[in-house]
C-alpha atoms as a PDB file:
ATOM      1  CA  MET A   1      -0.087   5.860  31.098  1.00  0.00           C
ATOM      2  CA  LYS A   2      -1.044   4.124  34.347  1.00  0.00           C
ATOM      3  CA  LEU A   3      -0.242   0.426  34.414  1.00  0.00           C
ATOM      4  CA  ASN A   4      -1.893  -1.387  37.318  1.00  0.00           C
ATOM      5  CA  ARG A   5      -1.959  -5.066  38.212  1.00  0.00           C
ATOM      6  CA  ARG A   6      -5.247  -5.680  36.384  1.00  0.00           C
ATOM      7  CA  THR A   7      -4.149  -4.117  33.099  1.00  0.00           C
ATOM      8  CA  PHE A   8      -0.757  -5.820  33.329  1.00  0.00           C
ATOM      9  CA  LEU A   9      -2.296  -9.273  33.756  1.00  0.00           C
ATOM     10  CA  ALA A  10      -4.843  -8.633  31.005  1.00  0.00           C
ATOM     11  CA  GLY A  11      -2.128  -7.441  28.684  1.00  0.00           C
ATOM     12  CA  MET A  12       0.093 -10.413  29.402  1.00  0.00           C
ATOM     13  CA  ALA A  13      -2.814 -12.779  28.735  1.00  0.00           C
ATOM     14  CA  ALA A  14      -3.397 -11.176  25.350  1.00  0.00           C
ATOM     15  CA  ALA A  15       0.327 -11.244  24.599  1.00  0.00           C
ATOM     16  CA  THR A  16       0.567 -14.931  25.479  1.00  0.00           C
ATOM     17  CA  GLY A  17      -2.362 -15.693  23.193  1.00  0.00           C
ATOM     18  CA  ALA A  18      -0.749 -13.765  20.378  1.00  0.00           C
ATOM     19  CA  MET A  19       2.517 -15.708  20.731  1.00  0.00           C
ATOM     20  CA  MET A  20       0.676 -19.003  20.461  1.00  0.00           C
ATOM     21  CA  VAL A  21      -0.818 -18.157  17.052  1.00  0.00           C
ATOM     22  CA  PRO A  22       1.104 -20.177  14.458  1.00  0.00           C
ATOM     23  CA  CYS A  23       2.876 -18.298  11.658  1.00  0.00           C
ATOM     24  CA  SER A  24       1.692 -20.273   8.652  1.00  0.00           C
ATOM     25  CA  ARG A  25       2.533 -19.261   5.120  1.00  0.00           C
ATOM     26  CA  ALA A  26      -0.002 -16.835   3.693  1.00  0.00           C
ATOM     27  CA  ARG A  27      -1.515 -17.730   0.356  1.00  0.00           C
ATOM     28  CA  ALA A  28      -3.459 -15.577  -2.069  1.00  0.00           C
ATOM     29  CA  ALA A  29      -6.871 -14.472  -0.905  1.00  0.00           C
ATOM     30  CA  ALA A  30      -7.804 -13.472  -4.459  1.00  0.00           C
ATOM     31  CA  SER A  31     -10.272 -15.538  -6.434  1.00  0.00           C
ATOM     32  CA  LYS A  32     -11.688 -15.331  -9.946  1.00  0.00           C
ATOM     33  CA  ASP A  33     -14.661 -13.430  -8.504  1.00  0.00           C
ATOM     34  CA  SER A  34     -12.638 -10.926  -6.447  1.00  0.00           C
ATOM     35  CA  TYR A  35     -12.179  -7.371  -7.708  1.00  0.00           C
ATOM     36  CA  ALA A  36      -9.347  -6.466 -10.065  1.00  0.00           C
ATOM     37  CA  THR A  37      -8.529  -3.359 -12.068  1.00  0.00           C
ATOM     38  CA  LEU A  38      -7.049  -2.712 -15.496  1.00  0.00           C
ATOM     39  CA  ILE A  39      -5.108   0.444 -16.332  1.00  0.00           C
ATOM     40  CA  ASP A  40      -4.872   0.978 -20.082  1.00  0.00           C
ATOM     41  CA  LEU A  41      -1.738   2.963 -20.943  1.00  0.00           C
ATOM     42  CA  THR A  42      -2.808   3.124 -24.587  1.00  0.00           C
ATOM     43  CA  ARG A  43      -5.585   5.525 -23.495  1.00  0.00           C
ATOM     44  CA  CYS A  44      -4.205   7.357 -20.450  1.00  0.00           C
ATOM     45  CA  ASP A  45      -2.640  10.744 -21.238  1.00  0.00           C
ATOM     46  CA  GLY A  46      -2.176  11.842 -17.637  1.00  0.00           C
ATOM     47  CA  CYS A  47      -4.985  14.385 -18.084  1.00  0.00           C
ATOM     48  CA  SER A  48      -2.813  16.587 -20.262  1.00  0.00           C
ATOM     49  CA  GLY A  49      -3.507  20.229 -19.562  1.00  0.00           C
ATOM     50  CA  GLU A  50      -4.742  19.630 -16.016  1.00  0.00           C
ATOM     51  CA  GLU A  51      -2.630  20.805 -13.087  1.00  0.00           C
ATOM     52  CA  VAL A  52      -3.473  17.586 -11.237  1.00  0.00           C
ATOM     53  CA  PRO A  53      -4.619  14.423 -13.068  1.00  0.00           C
ATOM     54  CA  LEU A  54      -8.340  13.944 -12.445  1.00  0.00           C
ATOM     55  CA  CYS A  55      -7.862  10.456 -11.008  1.00  0.00           C
ATOM     56  CA  VAL A  56      -5.378  11.816  -8.470  1.00  0.00           C
ATOM     57  CA  GLY A  57      -7.637  14.714  -7.518  1.00  0.00           C
ATOM     58  CA  ALA A  58     -10.636  12.401  -7.091  1.00  0.00           C
ATOM     59  CA  CYS A  59      -8.590  10.044  -4.925  1.00  0.00           C
ATOM     60  CA  ARG A  60      -7.487  12.890  -2.656  1.00  0.00           C
ATOM     61  CA  THR A  61     -11.050  14.173  -2.293  1.00  0.00           C
ATOM     62  CA  ALA A  62     -12.511  10.743  -1.532  1.00  0.00           C
ATOM     63  CA  CYS A  63      -9.765   9.792   0.929  1.00  0.00           C
ATOM     64  CA  THR A  64      -9.449  13.078   2.810  1.00  0.00           C
ATOM     65  CA  PRO A  65     -11.570  11.783   5.740  1.00  0.00           C
ATOM     66  CA  LYS A  66      -9.037   8.950   6.135  1.00  0.00           C
ATOM     67  CA  PHE A  67      -5.976  11.211   6.133  1.00  0.00           C
ATOM     68  CA  PRO A  68      -3.966  11.475   9.372  1.00  0.00           C
ATOM     69  CA  GLU A  69      -4.277  14.443  11.698  1.00  0.00           C
ATOM     70  CA  PRO A  70      -1.162  14.280  13.884  1.00  0.00           C
ATOM     71  CA  ASP A  71      -0.901  15.755  17.345  1.00  0.00           C
ATOM     72  CA  PRO A  72       1.975  18.302  17.160  1.00  0.00           C
ATOM     73  CA  ALA A  73       3.031  17.293  20.670  1.00  0.00           C
ATOM     74  CA  LYS A  74       3.507  13.702  19.469  1.00  0.00           C
ATOM     75  CA  LEU A  75       5.733  14.537  16.512  1.00  0.00           C
ATOM     76  CA  LYS A  76       8.863  13.124  18.091  1.00  0.00           C
ATOM     77  CA  ASP A  77      11.841  11.240  16.722  1.00  0.00           C
ATOM     78  CA  TYR A  78      11.618   7.455  16.501  1.00  0.00           C
ATOM     79  CA  TRP A  79      13.569   6.566  19.599  1.00  0.00           C
ATOM     80  CA  PRO A  80      16.452   5.775  19.494  1.00  0.00           C
ATOM     81  CA  GLN A  81      16.672   7.070  15.893  1.00  0.00           C
ATOM     82  CA  PRO A  82      17.158  10.844  15.431  1.00  0.00           C
ATOM     83  CA  PHE A  83      14.405  11.432  12.865  1.00  0.00           C
ATOM     84  CA  HIS A  84      10.673  11.100  12.186  1.00  0.00           C
ATOM     85  CA  GLU A  85       8.484  11.245   9.055  1.00  0.00           C
ATOM     86  CA  ASP A  86       6.030  14.118   9.048  1.00  0.00           C
ATOM     87  CA  TRP A  87       4.124  14.940   5.853  1.00  0.00           C
ATOM     88  CA  SER A  88       1.416  17.024   7.513  1.00  0.00           C
ATOM     89  CA  GLY A  89       2.977  20.260   6.287  1.00  0.00           C
ATOM     90  CA  ARG A  90       3.366  18.928   2.725  1.00  0.00           C
ATOM     91  CA  ARG A  91      -0.147  17.767   1.986  1.00  0.00           C
ATOM     92  CA  ASP A  92      -0.246  19.416  -1.433  1.00  0.00           C
ATOM     93  CA  ILE A  93       2.346  17.053  -2.960  1.00  0.00           C
ATOM     94  CA  THR A  94       0.804  15.110  -5.866  1.00  0.00           C
ATOM     95  CA  ASP A  95       3.807  13.744  -7.768  1.00  0.00           C
ATOM     96  CA  ARG A  96       4.609  10.859  -5.433  1.00  0.00           C
ATOM     97  CA  LEU A  97       2.984   8.666  -2.786  1.00  0.00           C
ATOM     98  CA  THR A  98       2.607  10.172   0.681  1.00  0.00           C
ATOM     99  CA  PRO A  99       0.262   9.622   3.654  1.00  0.00           C
ATOM    100  CA  TYR A 100      -1.876  12.381   2.052  1.00  0.00           C
ATOM    101  CA  ASN A 101      -1.556  11.314  -1.587  1.00  0.00           C
ATOM    102  CA  TRP A 102      -2.348   7.682  -2.344  1.00  0.00           C
ATOM    103  CA  SER A 103      -1.997   7.804  -6.128  1.00  0.00           C
ATOM    104  CA  TYR A 104      -0.057   9.773  -8.708  1.00  0.00           C
ATOM    105  CA  VAL A 105       0.888   9.717 -12.398  1.00  0.00           C
ATOM    106  CA  GLN A 106       4.394   9.058 -13.684  1.00  0.00           C
ATOM    107  CA  ARG A 107       5.357  10.568 -17.025  1.00  0.00           C
ATOM    108  CA  VAL A 108       8.154   9.124 -19.111  1.00  0.00           C
ATOM    109  CA  SER A 109       9.476   9.592 -22.646  1.00  0.00           C
ATOM    110  CA  VAL A 110      10.476   6.526 -24.708  1.00  0.00           C
ATOM    111  CA  ASP A 111      11.411   5.693 -28.298  1.00  0.00           C
ATOM    112  CA  VAL A 112       8.816   3.606 -30.166  1.00  0.00           C
ATOM    113  CA  ASP A 113       9.577   2.592 -33.764  1.00  0.00           C
ATOM    114  CA  GLY A 114      11.988   5.479 -34.129  1.00  0.00           C
ATOM    115  CA  ARG A 115       9.541   8.032 -32.726  1.00  0.00           C
ATOM    116  CA  ARG A 116       9.509   9.681 -29.317  1.00  0.00           C
ATOM    117  CA  LYS A 117       6.406   8.791 -27.297  1.00  0.00           C
ATOM    118  CA  GLU A 118       5.189  10.196 -23.998  1.00  0.00           C
ATOM    119  CA  VAL A 119       3.637   7.607 -21.677  1.00  0.00           C
ATOM    120  CA  ALA A 120       1.551   8.418 -18.581  1.00  0.00           C
ATOM    121  CA  ILE A 121       1.429   5.742 -15.868  1.00  0.00           C
ATOM    122  CA  PRO A 122      -1.060   6.022 -12.974  1.00  0.00           C
ATOM    123  CA  ARG A 123       0.505   4.487  -9.850  1.00  0.00           C
ATOM    124  CA  ARG A 124      -0.933   3.297  -6.540  1.00  0.00           C
ATOM    125  CA  CYS A 125      -1.008   0.084  -4.490  1.00  0.00           C
ATOM    126  CA  MET A 126      -0.939  -3.033  -6.704  1.00  0.00           C
ATOM    127  CA  HIS A 127      -3.125  -5.041  -4.253  1.00  0.00           C
ATOM    128  CA  CYS A 128      -1.023  -8.184  -4.604  1.00  0.00           C
ATOM    129  CA  ASP A 129      -2.523 -11.674  -4.583  1.00  0.00           C
ATOM    130  CA  ASN A 130      -0.047 -12.939  -1.984  1.00  0.00           C
ATOM    131  CA  PRO A 131       1.239  -9.706  -0.438  1.00  0.00           C
ATOM    132  CA  PRO A 132       4.454  -9.843   1.629  1.00  0.00           C
ATOM    133  CA  CYS A 133       3.262  -6.746   3.503  1.00  0.00           C
ATOM    134  CA  VAL A 134       0.388  -8.775   4.951  1.00  0.00           C
ATOM    135  CA  LYS A 135       2.384 -11.834   5.956  1.00  0.00           C
ATOM    136  CA  LEU A 136       5.387  -9.944   7.305  1.00  0.00           C
ATOM    137  CA  CYS A 137       3.534  -7.216   9.235  1.00  0.00           C
ATOM    138  CA  PRO A 138       4.610  -7.871  12.857  1.00  0.00           C
ATOM    139  CA  PHE A 139       1.292  -6.583  14.234  1.00  0.00           C
ATOM    140  CA  GLY A 140      -1.143  -8.154  11.776  1.00  0.00           C
ATOM    141  CA  THR A 141      -2.642  -4.799  10.770  1.00  0.00           C
ATOM    142  CA  ASN A 142      -2.256  -5.373   6.999  1.00  0.00           C
ATOM    143  CA  LYS A 143      -5.023  -7.510   5.546  1.00  0.00           C
ATOM    144  CA  LYS A 144      -5.884  -8.963   2.146  1.00  0.00           C
ATOM    145  CA  THR A 145      -9.657  -9.243   1.847  1.00  0.00           C
ATOM    146  CA  PRO A 146     -11.403 -11.915  -0.249  1.00  0.00           C
ATOM    147  CA  GLU A 147     -12.836  -9.035  -2.316  1.00  0.00           C
ATOM    148  CA  GLY A 148      -9.341  -8.110  -3.495  1.00  0.00           C
ATOM    149  CA  PRO A 149      -8.145  -4.934  -1.695  1.00  0.00           C
ATOM    150  CA  VAL A 150      -5.138  -4.916   0.624  1.00  0.00           C
ATOM    151  CA  HIS A 151      -5.668  -2.445   3.450  1.00  0.00           C
ATOM    152  CA  ILE A 152      -4.038  -1.252   6.663  1.00  0.00           C
ATOM    153  CA  ASP A 153      -5.993  -0.842   9.906  1.00  0.00           C
ATOM    154  CA  PRO A 154      -4.937   2.629  11.151  1.00  0.00           C
ATOM    155  CA  ASP A 155      -6.243   1.910  14.649  1.00  0.00           C
ATOM    156  CA  LEU A 156      -3.788  -0.950  15.156  1.00  0.00           C
ATOM    157  CA  CYS A 157      -0.807   0.071  12.991  1.00  0.00           C
ATOM    158  CA  PHE A 158       2.407   0.963  14.849  1.00  0.00           C
ATOM    159  CA  GLY A 159       4.113   2.413  11.782  1.00  0.00           C
ATOM    160  CA  GLY A 160       7.065   0.053  11.920  1.00  0.00           C
ATOM    161  CA  ALA A 161       7.325   0.393   8.099  1.00  0.00           C
ATOM    162  CA  LYS A 162       8.177  -3.272   7.507  1.00  0.00           C
ATOM    163  CA  CYS A 163       5.349  -3.277   4.941  1.00  0.00           C
ATOM    164  CA  ARG A 164       7.146  -0.562   2.982  1.00  0.00           C
ATOM    165  CA  THR A 165      10.431  -2.435   3.215  1.00  0.00           C
ATOM    166  CA  VAL A 166       9.057  -5.685   1.782  1.00  0.00           C
ATOM    167  CA  CYS A 167       6.826  -4.020  -0.849  1.00  0.00           C
ATOM    168  CA  PRO A 168       8.629  -4.152  -4.229  1.00  0.00           C
ATOM    169  CA  TRP A 169       7.142  -0.756  -5.056  1.00  0.00           C
ATOM    170  CA  HIS A 170       7.543   0.768  -1.537  1.00  0.00           C
ATOM    171  CA  VAL A 171       3.893   1.833  -1.563  1.00  0.00           C
ATOM    172  CA  PRO A 172       2.917   2.384   2.119  1.00  0.00           C
ATOM    173  CA  GLN A 173       3.995   5.755   3.533  1.00  0.00           C
ATOM    174  CA  ARG A 174       4.412   6.696   7.185  1.00  0.00           C
ATOM    175  CA  GLN A 175       3.053   9.619   9.201  1.00  0.00           C
ATOM    176  CA  ALA A 176       4.351  10.279  12.709  1.00  0.00           C
ATOM    177  CA  GLY A 177       2.309  11.688  15.575  1.00  0.00           C
ATOM    178  CA  VAL A 178      -0.721   9.436  15.088  1.00  0.00           C
ATOM    179  CA  GLY A 179      -1.874   5.964  16.050  1.00  0.00           C
ATOM    180  CA  ILE A 180      -1.403   3.559  18.911  1.00  0.00           C
ATOM    181  CA  TYR A 181       2.343   4.185  18.902  1.00  0.00           C
ATOM    182  CA  THR A 182       1.825   7.606  20.466  1.00  0.00           C
ATOM    183  CA  HIS A 183       0.482   5.928  23.614  1.00  0.00           C
ATOM    184  CA  LEU A 184       3.658   3.859  24.021  1.00  0.00           C
ATOM    185  CA  ASP A 185       6.283   6.478  23.208  1.00  0.00           C
ATOM    186  CA  PRO A 186       9.225   5.983  23.581  1.00  0.00           C
ATOM    187  CA  LEU A 187       9.096   2.191  23.139  1.00  0.00           C
ATOM    188  CA  PRO A 188      10.990   1.226  19.929  1.00  0.00           C
ATOM    189  CA  VAL A 189       8.129  -0.625  18.235  1.00  0.00           C
ATOM    190  CA  GLY A 190       7.061   1.723  15.464  1.00  0.00           C
ATOM    191  CA  GLY A 191       6.681   5.328  14.549  1.00  0.00           C
ATOM    192  CA  GLY A 192       3.122   6.335  13.641  1.00  0.00           C
ATOM    193  CA  VAL A 193       0.787   4.821  11.041  1.00  0.00           C
ATOM    194  CA  MET A 194       1.327   3.585   7.469  1.00  0.00           C
ATOM    195  CA  TYR A 195      -1.085   4.812   4.770  1.00  0.00           C
ATOM    196  CA  LYS A 196      -1.859   3.713   1.218  1.00  0.00           C
ATOM    197  CA  CYS A 197      -4.620   3.097  -1.332  1.00  0.00           C
ATOM    198  CA  ASP A 198      -7.302   0.681  -0.103  1.00  0.00           C
ATOM    199  CA  LEU A 199      -9.081   0.555  -3.498  1.00  0.00           C
ATOM    200  CA  CYS A 200     -11.898   2.616  -1.959  1.00  0.00           C
ATOM    201  CA  ARG A 201     -13.192  -0.338   0.064  1.00  0.00           C
ATOM    202  CA  ASP A 202     -16.037   1.777   1.415  1.00  0.00           C
ATOM    203  CA  ARG A 203     -17.208   2.630  -2.117  1.00  0.00           C
ATOM    204  CA  LEU A 204     -16.886  -0.976  -3.293  1.00  0.00           C
ATOM    205  CA  ALA A 205     -19.079  -2.069  -0.377  1.00  0.00           C
ATOM    206  CA  LEU A 206     -21.777   0.278  -1.711  1.00  0.00           C
ATOM    207  CA  GLY A 207     -21.456  -1.079  -5.240  1.00  0.00           C
ATOM    208  CA  GLU A 208     -19.604   2.010  -6.449  1.00  0.00           C
ATOM    209  CA  GLN A 209     -16.358   2.307  -8.392  1.00  0.00           C
ATOM    210  CA  PRO A 210     -13.133   3.526  -6.772  1.00  0.00           C
ATOM    211  CA  ALA A 211     -12.918   7.307  -7.038  1.00  0.00           C
ATOM    212  CA  CYS A 212      -9.983   7.270  -9.473  1.00  0.00           C
ATOM    213  CA  LEU A 213     -11.828   5.055 -11.963  1.00  0.00           C
ATOM    214  CA  ALA A 214     -15.018   7.074 -11.800  1.00  0.00           C
ATOM    215  CA  ALA A 215     -13.087  10.299 -12.519  1.00  0.00           C
ATOM    216  CA  CYS A 216     -11.088   9.084 -15.533  1.00  0.00           C
ATOM    217  CA  PRO A 217     -12.240  11.082 -18.598  1.00  0.00           C
ATOM    218  CA  ARG A 218     -10.670   8.696 -21.129  1.00  0.00           C
ATOM    219  CA  GLN A 219     -12.000   5.419 -19.692  1.00  0.00           C
ATOM    220  CA  ALA A 220      -8.443   4.230 -19.214  1.00  0.00           C
ATOM    221  CA  MET A 221      -9.293   2.396 -15.979  1.00  0.00           C
ATOM    222  CA  HIS A 222     -11.604  -0.569 -15.575  1.00  0.00           C
ATOM    223  CA  LEU A 223     -13.005  -2.472 -12.596  1.00  0.00           C
ATOM    224  CA  GLY A 224     -14.438  -5.974 -12.679  1.00  0.00           C
ATOM    225  CA  THR A 225     -14.039  -9.474 -11.371  1.00  0.00           C
ATOM    226  CA  ARG A 226     -10.624 -11.039 -11.726  1.00  0.00           C
ATOM    227  CA  ARG A 227     -12.032 -13.262 -14.462  1.00  0.00           C
ATOM    228  CA  GLU A 228     -13.404 -10.280 -16.404  1.00  0.00           C
ATOM    229  CA  ILE A 229     -10.303  -8.105 -16.049  1.00  0.00           C
ATOM    230  CA  GLU A 230      -7.917 -10.859 -17.109  1.00  0.00           C
ATOM    231  CA  ALA A 231     -10.015 -11.507 -20.224  1.00  0.00           C
ATOM    232  CA  LEU A 232     -10.199  -7.774 -20.985  1.00  0.00           C
ATOM    233  CA  ALA A 233      -6.442  -7.376 -20.521  1.00  0.00           C
ATOM    234  CA  ASP A 234      -5.641 -10.343 -22.764  1.00  0.00           C
ATOM    235  CA  ASP A 235      -7.966  -9.045 -25.468  1.00  0.00           C
ATOM    236  CA  LEU A 236      -6.422  -5.570 -25.305  1.00  0.00           C
ATOM    237  CA  VAL A 237      -2.896  -6.985 -25.510  1.00  0.00           C
ATOM    238  CA  ALA A 238      -3.857  -8.960 -28.609  1.00  0.00           C
ATOM    239  CA  ARG A 239      -5.578  -5.999 -30.314  1.00  0.00           C
ATOM    240  CA  CYS A 240      -2.787  -3.462 -29.738  1.00  0.00           C
ATOM    241  CA  GLN A 241       0.084  -5.959 -29.788  1.00  0.00           C
ATOM    242  CA  GLY A 242       0.868  -4.649 -26.351  1.00  0.00           C
ATOM    243  CA  HIS A 243       2.417  -5.852 -23.130  1.00  0.00           C
ATOM    244  CA  LEU A 244       0.908  -6.961 -19.806  1.00  0.00           C
ATOM    245  CA  TYR A 245       2.122  -6.179 -16.283  1.00  0.00           C
ATOM    246  CA  GLY A 246       0.672  -7.435 -13.007  1.00  0.00           C
ATOM    247  CA  ARG A 247      -0.300 -11.048 -13.684  1.00  0.00           C
ATOM    248  CA  THR A 248       2.915 -12.607 -12.381  1.00  0.00           C
ATOM    249  CA  GLU A 249       4.857  -9.733 -10.813  1.00  0.00           C
ATOM    250  CA  ASN A 250       5.409 -10.240  -7.064  1.00  0.00           C
ATOM    251  CA  GLY A 251       3.446 -13.477  -7.301  1.00  0.00           C
ATOM    252  CA  GLY A 252       0.514 -11.826  -9.102  1.00  0.00           C
ATOM    253  CA  THR A 253      -1.528  -8.717  -8.374  1.00  0.00           C
ATOM    254  CA  SER A 254      -5.073  -7.452  -8.612  1.00  0.00           C
ATOM    255  CA  THR A 255      -3.875  -4.525 -10.747  1.00  0.00           C
ATOM    256  CA  PHE A 256      -3.114  -5.051 -14.442  1.00  0.00           C
ATOM    257  CA  TYR A 257      -1.396  -2.639 -16.810  1.00  0.00           C
ATOM    258  CA  VAL A 258      -1.461  -2.882 -20.599  1.00  0.00           C
ATOM    259  CA  SER A 259       1.128  -0.837 -22.467  1.00  0.00           C
ATOM    260  CA  PRO A 260       2.097  -0.365 -26.133  1.00  0.00           C
ATOM    261  CA  VAL A 261       5.711  -0.195 -24.889  1.00  0.00           C
ATOM    262  CA  PRO A 262       7.519  -3.107 -23.182  1.00  0.00           C
ATOM    263  CA  PHE A 263       7.599  -2.568 -19.437  1.00  0.00           C
ATOM    264  CA  GLU A 264      11.325  -3.241 -19.374  1.00  0.00           C
ATOM    265  CA  GLU A 265      11.777  -0.136 -21.558  1.00  0.00           C
ATOM    266  CA  LEU A 266       9.433   1.928 -19.383  1.00  0.00           C
ATOM    267  CA  ASP A 267      11.316   0.857 -16.262  1.00  0.00           C
ATOM    268  CA  ARG A 268      14.684   1.678 -17.819  1.00  0.00           C
ATOM    269  CA  ALA A 269      13.445   5.086 -18.980  1.00  0.00           C
ATOM    270  CA  LEU A 270      11.999   5.872 -15.538  1.00  0.00           C
ATOM    271  CA  LEU A 271      15.392   5.217 -13.960  1.00  0.00           C
ATOM    272  CA  GLU A 272      17.330   7.147 -16.601  1.00  0.00           C
ATOM    273  CA  GLN A 273      15.089  10.218 -16.456  1.00  0.00           C
ATOM    274  CA  ALA A 274      14.769  10.400 -12.659  1.00  0.00           C
ATOM    275  CA  GLU A 275      16.678  12.943 -10.587  1.00  0.00           C
ATOM    276  CA  ASP A 276      17.159  10.255  -7.950  1.00  0.00           C
ATOM    277  CA  PRO A 277      16.788   6.690  -9.340  1.00  0.00           C
ATOM    278  CA  LYS A 278      16.605   5.294  -5.795  1.00  0.00           C
ATOM    279  CA  LYS A 279      13.254   7.035  -5.305  1.00  0.00           C
ATOM    280  CA  VAL A 280      11.644   5.731  -8.498  1.00  0.00           C
ATOM    281  CA  MET A 281       8.517   3.594  -8.207  1.00  0.00           C
ATOM    282  CA  ARG A 282       9.618   0.991 -10.703  1.00  0.00           C
ATOM    283  CA  LEU A 283       7.938  -1.255 -13.279  1.00  0.00           C
ATOM    284  CA  HIS A 284      10.309  -4.176 -12.815  1.00  0.00           C
ATOM    285  CA  GLN A 285       9.773  -7.890 -12.187  1.00  0.00           C
ATOM    286  CA  PRO A 286      10.370  -8.223  -8.447  1.00  0.00           C
ATOM    287  CA  GLU A 287      10.848 -11.389  -6.473  1.00  0.00           C
ATOM    288  CA  ASN A 288       8.142 -12.091  -3.900  1.00  0.00           C
ATOM    289  CA  LEU A 289       9.884 -12.262  -0.526  1.00  0.00           C
ATOM    290  CA  LEU A 290       7.455 -14.946   0.629  1.00  0.00           C
ATOM    291  CA  GLU A 291       9.272 -17.325  -1.723  1.00  0.00           C
ATOM    292  CA  ARG A 292      12.504 -16.894   0.192  1.00  0.00           C
ATOM    293  CA  HIS A 293      12.678 -19.344   3.076  1.00  0.00           C
ATOM    294  CA  THR A 294      15.234 -17.315   5.026  1.00  0.00           C
ATOM    295  CA  VAL A 295      12.892 -14.329   5.097  1.00  0.00           C
ATOM    296  CA  LEU A 296       9.981 -16.507   6.170  1.00  0.00           C
ATOM    297  CA  ALA A 297      12.067 -18.050   8.937  1.00  0.00           C
ATOM    298  CA  LYS A 298      12.982 -14.634  10.310  1.00  0.00           C
ATOM    299  CA  ALA A 299       9.363 -13.481  10.060  1.00  0.00           C
ATOM    300  CA  ALA A 300       8.211 -16.557  11.960  1.00  0.00           C
ATOM    301  CA  LEU A 301      10.557 -15.637  14.799  1.00  0.00           C
ATOM    302  CA  VAL A 302       9.813 -11.914  14.876  1.00  0.00           C
ATOM    303  CA  ALA A 303       6.054 -11.859  14.308  1.00  0.00           C
ATOM    304  CA  PRO A 304       4.946 -13.610  17.539  1.00  0.00           C
ATOM    305  CA  VAL A 305       7.135 -11.345  19.687  1.00  0.00           C
ATOM    306  CA  ALA A 306       6.068  -8.149  17.972  1.00  0.00           C
ATOM    307  CA  GLY A 307       2.485  -9.344  17.922  1.00  0.00           C
ATOM    308  CA  ALA A 308       2.687  -9.916  21.660  1.00  0.00           C
ATOM    309  CA  VAL A 309       3.836  -6.335  22.185  1.00  0.00           C
ATOM    310  CA  GLY A 310       0.986  -5.094  20.019  1.00  0.00           C
ATOM    311  CA  ALA A 311      -1.616  -7.212  21.786  1.00  0.00           C
ATOM    312  CA  PHE A 312      -0.328  -6.106  25.164  1.00  0.00           C
ATOM    313  CA  ALA A 313      -0.390  -2.433  24.176  1.00  0.00           C
ATOM    314  CA  ALA A 314      -3.870  -2.650  22.691  1.00  0.00           C
ATOM    315  CA  THR A 315      -5.223  -4.309  25.822  1.00  0.00           C
ATOM    316  CA  VAL A 316      -3.586  -1.798  28.166  1.00  0.00           C
ATOM    317  CA  ILE A 317      -4.929   1.149  26.180  1.00  0.00           C
ATOM    318  CA  LYS A 318      -8.418  -0.377  25.982  1.00  0.00           C
ATOM    319  CA  ASN A 319      -8.490  -0.974  29.743  1.00  0.00           C
ATOM    320  CA  ARG A 320      -7.246   2.549  30.372  1.00  0.00           C
ATOM    321  CA  ASP A 321     -10.063   3.937  28.241  1.00  0.00           C
ATOM    322  CA  ASP A 322     -12.571   1.691  30.018  1.00  0.00           C
ATOM    323  CA  GLU A 323     -11.406   3.024  33.368  1.00  0.00           C
ATOM    324  CA  LYS A 324     -11.945   6.585  32.147  1.00  0.00           C
END
């Protein structure tokens, strides 16, 4: 990449501006009128009999245009680390989150009143009210919209994976060989682009339901305003003497689960029945890292510097394209 005096000065100006932006504490963008979803585990059966749950299949179909298409020549190790994450040859995986699979269904067996019960749990991004991934993203590419969804801008993401590190459920997944990082290789500032569920923002903008909800044959998923979904969840909990997950976890989320089984039991069973417990997407009660002052202090120091690098890179690449 050619770096002349004009692009260098422009990049440094953008970097200086980025470093001057204060790192204030992010608060929830959600409101009572923002979107929220309810997943009813009393109704979901994981589409028993189907090779792929219908919600998962619909998600993959709707999101295929957003999936990464890496340049094979750019699939290099994350300098100076001797590895890179490439899922492009494993696009058919549907039993975990990947850059090509943004939702999946966990299945777990638990004892309820002396009887064995199979529970199916659709999983995807929780779309937190005060998401650490947004606040602690060094490049500002994660955003929480007033409508509710948390999304990642693939055109600006460096794939540093800090969002995955601070997410209690480790939702975002990384694909190498794509994104702005490929123009800066081998600078140690990232490694591709992070991908995850964006709650079908494009469909919501058209007044349509997210693809997974529209495909559910048992009406186990519901979309509405935060006010409506909270009321629906509370009513369902009262009627089935069930349990609620999502209202307070990680500071609150825009995704609510109602289960006939306590979530502590589901979480314990998920860990016990997993081949590798470290890879389990849990149903625990995580601490929101934004409540820890030491983490915030470190983020305040790192974000302006990393943001400066990102602003500089974006400006250099834009000017290079303009010259072409």
